[in-house]
Amino acid sequence: MTWKEQLDKAIASVKDAADSERAREIADRAKSTASSLIEQVRTGAVGAASSFLEANRDPSSLEVHFLNAHLTILSPSEGISISRPDAATLVISDGNENGLVINAAADPAFVVEQIGSVSQASGNTFDIGAEDGVNVVVTKF
């Protein structure tokens, strides 16, 4: 079996796993937690530090630590991506032309730009693709 065939087989296995019942449960949990967190932040029930702790409590969250940026992403979205277009920049995108650009080299790191439909629910909590309330990025800079 060539490396290409092995890669194709591995990709097919990952796709099958992503379509499983367990993956759907995780996505549902992430959606529920993200929606709840955004609502708590909007009503003032959760502060900046609390929102970071709340987001990290969910086992379906994705934590990213890069240079001075510490992020937690709660998203059941299939299109969410994190890229590093240059040495010190992180871009979090939902695949629908919405995203955050973060300068991770600065101390503290900061959001340079909000692209598309992004709402800032609090000083450290962002909803990417704000119309659905499920792609939540919580920052700790």
Protein backbone atom coordinates (compact mmCIF):
# COMPACT_ATOMS: atom_id res chain seq x y z
CA MET A 1 0.00 0.00 0.00
CA THR A 2 1.45 3.37 -1.03
CA TRP A 3 1.56 6.38 1.27
CA LYS A 4 -1.24 7.98 -0.77
CA GLU A 5 -3.49 4.93 -0.29
CA GLN A 6 -2.70 4.91 3.43
CA LEU A 7 -3.51 8.59 3.68
CA ASP A 8 -6.80 8.13 1.82
CA LYS A 9 -7.70 5.23 4.12
CA ALA A 10 -6.89 7.30 7.22
CA ILE A 11 -8.97 10.23 5.94
CA ALA A 12 -11.90 7.90 5.26
CA SER A 13 -11.64 6.53 8.81
CA VAL A 14 -11.67 10.03 10.28
CA LYS A 15 -14.71 10.97 8.17
CA ASP A 16 -16.53 7.84 9.35
CA ALA A 17 -15.73 8.70 12.97
CA ALA A 18 -16.95 12.26 12.45
CA ASP A 19 -20.29 10.94 11.22
CA SER A 20 -20.74 8.70 14.26
CA GLU A 21 -23.37 9.11 16.95
CA ARG A 22 -20.67 10.05 19.48
CA ALA A 23 -19.45 12.87 17.23
CA ARG A 24 -23.01 14.18 16.94
CA GLU A 25 -23.36 14.07 20.73
CA ILE A 26 -20.14 16.06 21.14
CA ALA A 27 -21.31 18.62 18.56
CA ASP A 28 -24.67 18.95 20.33
CA ARG A 29 -22.91 19.45 23.67
CA ALA A 30 -20.62 22.10 22.17
CA LYS A 31 -23.59 23.91 20.65
CA SER A 32 -25.49 23.84 23.92
CA THR A 33 -22.49 25.05 25.94
CA ALA A 34 -21.65 27.79 23.44
CA SER A 35 -25.23 29.07 23.35
CA SER A 36 -25.47 29.00 27.13
CA LEU A 37 -22.15 30.79 27.57
CA ILE A 38 -23.05 33.54 25.10
CA GLU A 39 -26.39 34.05 26.85
CA GLN A 40 -24.70 34.26 30.28
CA VAL A 41 -22.15 36.74 28.98
CA ARG A 42 -24.82 38.87 27.32
CA THR A 43 -26.93 39.03 30.49
CA GLY A 44 -23.90 39.87 32.60
CA ALA A 45 -24.10 36.67 34.63
CA VAL A 46 -20.51 35.74 33.75
CA GLY A 47 -17.42 37.95 33.80
CA ALA A 48 -14.31 37.70 31.63
CA ALA A 49 -12.45 35.29 33.91
CA SER A 50 -15.55 33.22 34.53
CA SER A 51 -16.31 32.90 30.83
CA PHE A 52 -12.80 31.51 30.21
CA LEU A 53 -13.24 28.98 33.03
CA GLU A 54 -16.72 28.06 31.85
CA ALA A 55 -15.52 27.48 28.28
CA ASN A 56 -12.61 25.34 29.47
CA ARG A 57 -14.92 23.20 31.56
CA ASP A 58 -16.60 21.72 28.49
CA PRO A 59 -14.76 18.60 27.27
CA SER A 60 -15.74 19.33 23.66
CA SER A 61 -13.87 22.63 23.64
CA LEU A 62 -10.63 23.16 21.75
CA GLU A 63 -7.84 24.98 23.58
CA VAL A 64 -5.11 26.76 21.63
CA HIS A 65 -1.98 28.19 23.23
CA PHE A 66 0.31 30.03 20.84
CA LEU A 67 2.85 32.62 21.94
CA ASN A 68 0.85 35.06 24.12
CA ALA A 69 -2.60 33.97 22.92
CA HIS A 70 -4.67 31.52 24.94
CA LEU A 71 -7.96 30.65 23.28
CA THR A 72 -10.82 28.29 23.92
CA ILE A 73 -13.09 27.52 21.00
CA LEU A 74 -16.56 26.05 21.49
CA SER A 75 -17.93 25.10 18.12
CA PRO A 76 -19.87 22.24 16.59
CA SER A 77 -19.20 23.79 13.20
CA GLU A 78 -17.58 21.57 10.59
CA GLY A 79 -15.96 24.55 8.91
CA ILE A 80 -14.11 26.09 11.84
CA SER A 81 -10.42 26.47 11.13
CA ILE A 82 -7.36 27.88 12.83
CA SER A 83 -4.49 29.02 10.66
CA ARG A 84 -1.20 30.82 11.09
CA PRO A 85 -0.68 32.97 7.97
CA ASP A 86 2.56 34.36 9.34
CA ALA A 87 4.87 33.83 12.30
CA ALA A 88 2.84 35.76 14.87
CA THR A 89 -0.76 35.79 13.63
CA LEU A 90 -3.63 33.40 14.28
CA VAL A 91 -6.79 33.42 12.20
CA ILE A 92 -9.92 31.65 13.42
CA SER A 93 -12.52 31.26 10.69
CA ASP A 94 -15.93 29.59 10.43
CA GLY A 95 -15.57 28.83 6.71
CA ASN A 96 -18.28 31.38 5.86
CA GLU A 97 -16.07 34.47 5.64
CA ASN A 98 -16.39 35.25 9.36
CA GLY A 99 -13.41 35.24 11.68
CA LEU A 100 -10.93 36.78 14.07
CA VAL A 101 -7.35 37.86 13.37
CA ILE A 102 -5.17 37.74 16.48
CA ASN A 103 -1.70 39.21 17.02
CA ALA A 104 -0.24 36.49 19.24
CA ALA A 105 3.25 38.03 19.46
CA ALA A 106 2.11 41.15 21.31
CA ASP A 107 2.19 40.98 25.09
CA PRO A 108 -0.66 40.84 25.78
CA ALA A 109 -2.00 39.37 22.54
CA PHE A 110 -5.00 41.14 21.03
CA VAL A 111 -7.66 40.86 18.35
CA VAL A 112 -6.45 42.87 15.37
CA GLU A 113 -9.53 42.50 13.22
CA GLN A 114 -13.02 41.05 13.24
CA ILE A 115 -13.99 39.83 9.79
CA GLY A 116 -17.56 39.42 8.61
CA SER A 117 -20.30 38.70 11.11
CA VAL A 118 -18.55 38.63 14.48
CA SER A 119 -20.00 39.98 17.68
CA GLN A 120 -18.02 40.72 20.80
CA ALA A 121 -20.22 39.50 23.63
CA SER A 122 -17.77 40.76 26.27
CA GLY A 123 -14.17 41.91 26.48
CA ASN A 124 -12.88 38.38 25.93
CA THR A 125 -15.76 36.47 24.31
CA PHE A 126 -16.52 36.54 20.59
CA ASP A 127 -19.29 34.89 18.59
CA ILE A 128 -18.13 34.13 15.06
CA GLY A 129 -21.00 34.07 12.60
CA ALA A 130 -23.09 35.79 15.25
CA GLU A 131 -26.41 34.95 13.65
CA ASP A 132 -26.37 31.40 15.05
CA GLY A 133 -24.68 31.88 18.43
CA VAL A 134 -22.66 28.66 18.35
CA ASN A 135 -19.09 29.43 17.22
CA VAL A 136 -17.72 30.95 20.40
CA VAL A 137 -14.09 32.00 20.93
CA VAL A 138 -13.07 32.92 24.47
CA THR A 139 -9.72 34.66 24.81
CA LYS A 140 -7.30 35.04 27.70
CA PHE A 141 -4.62 37.57 26.87
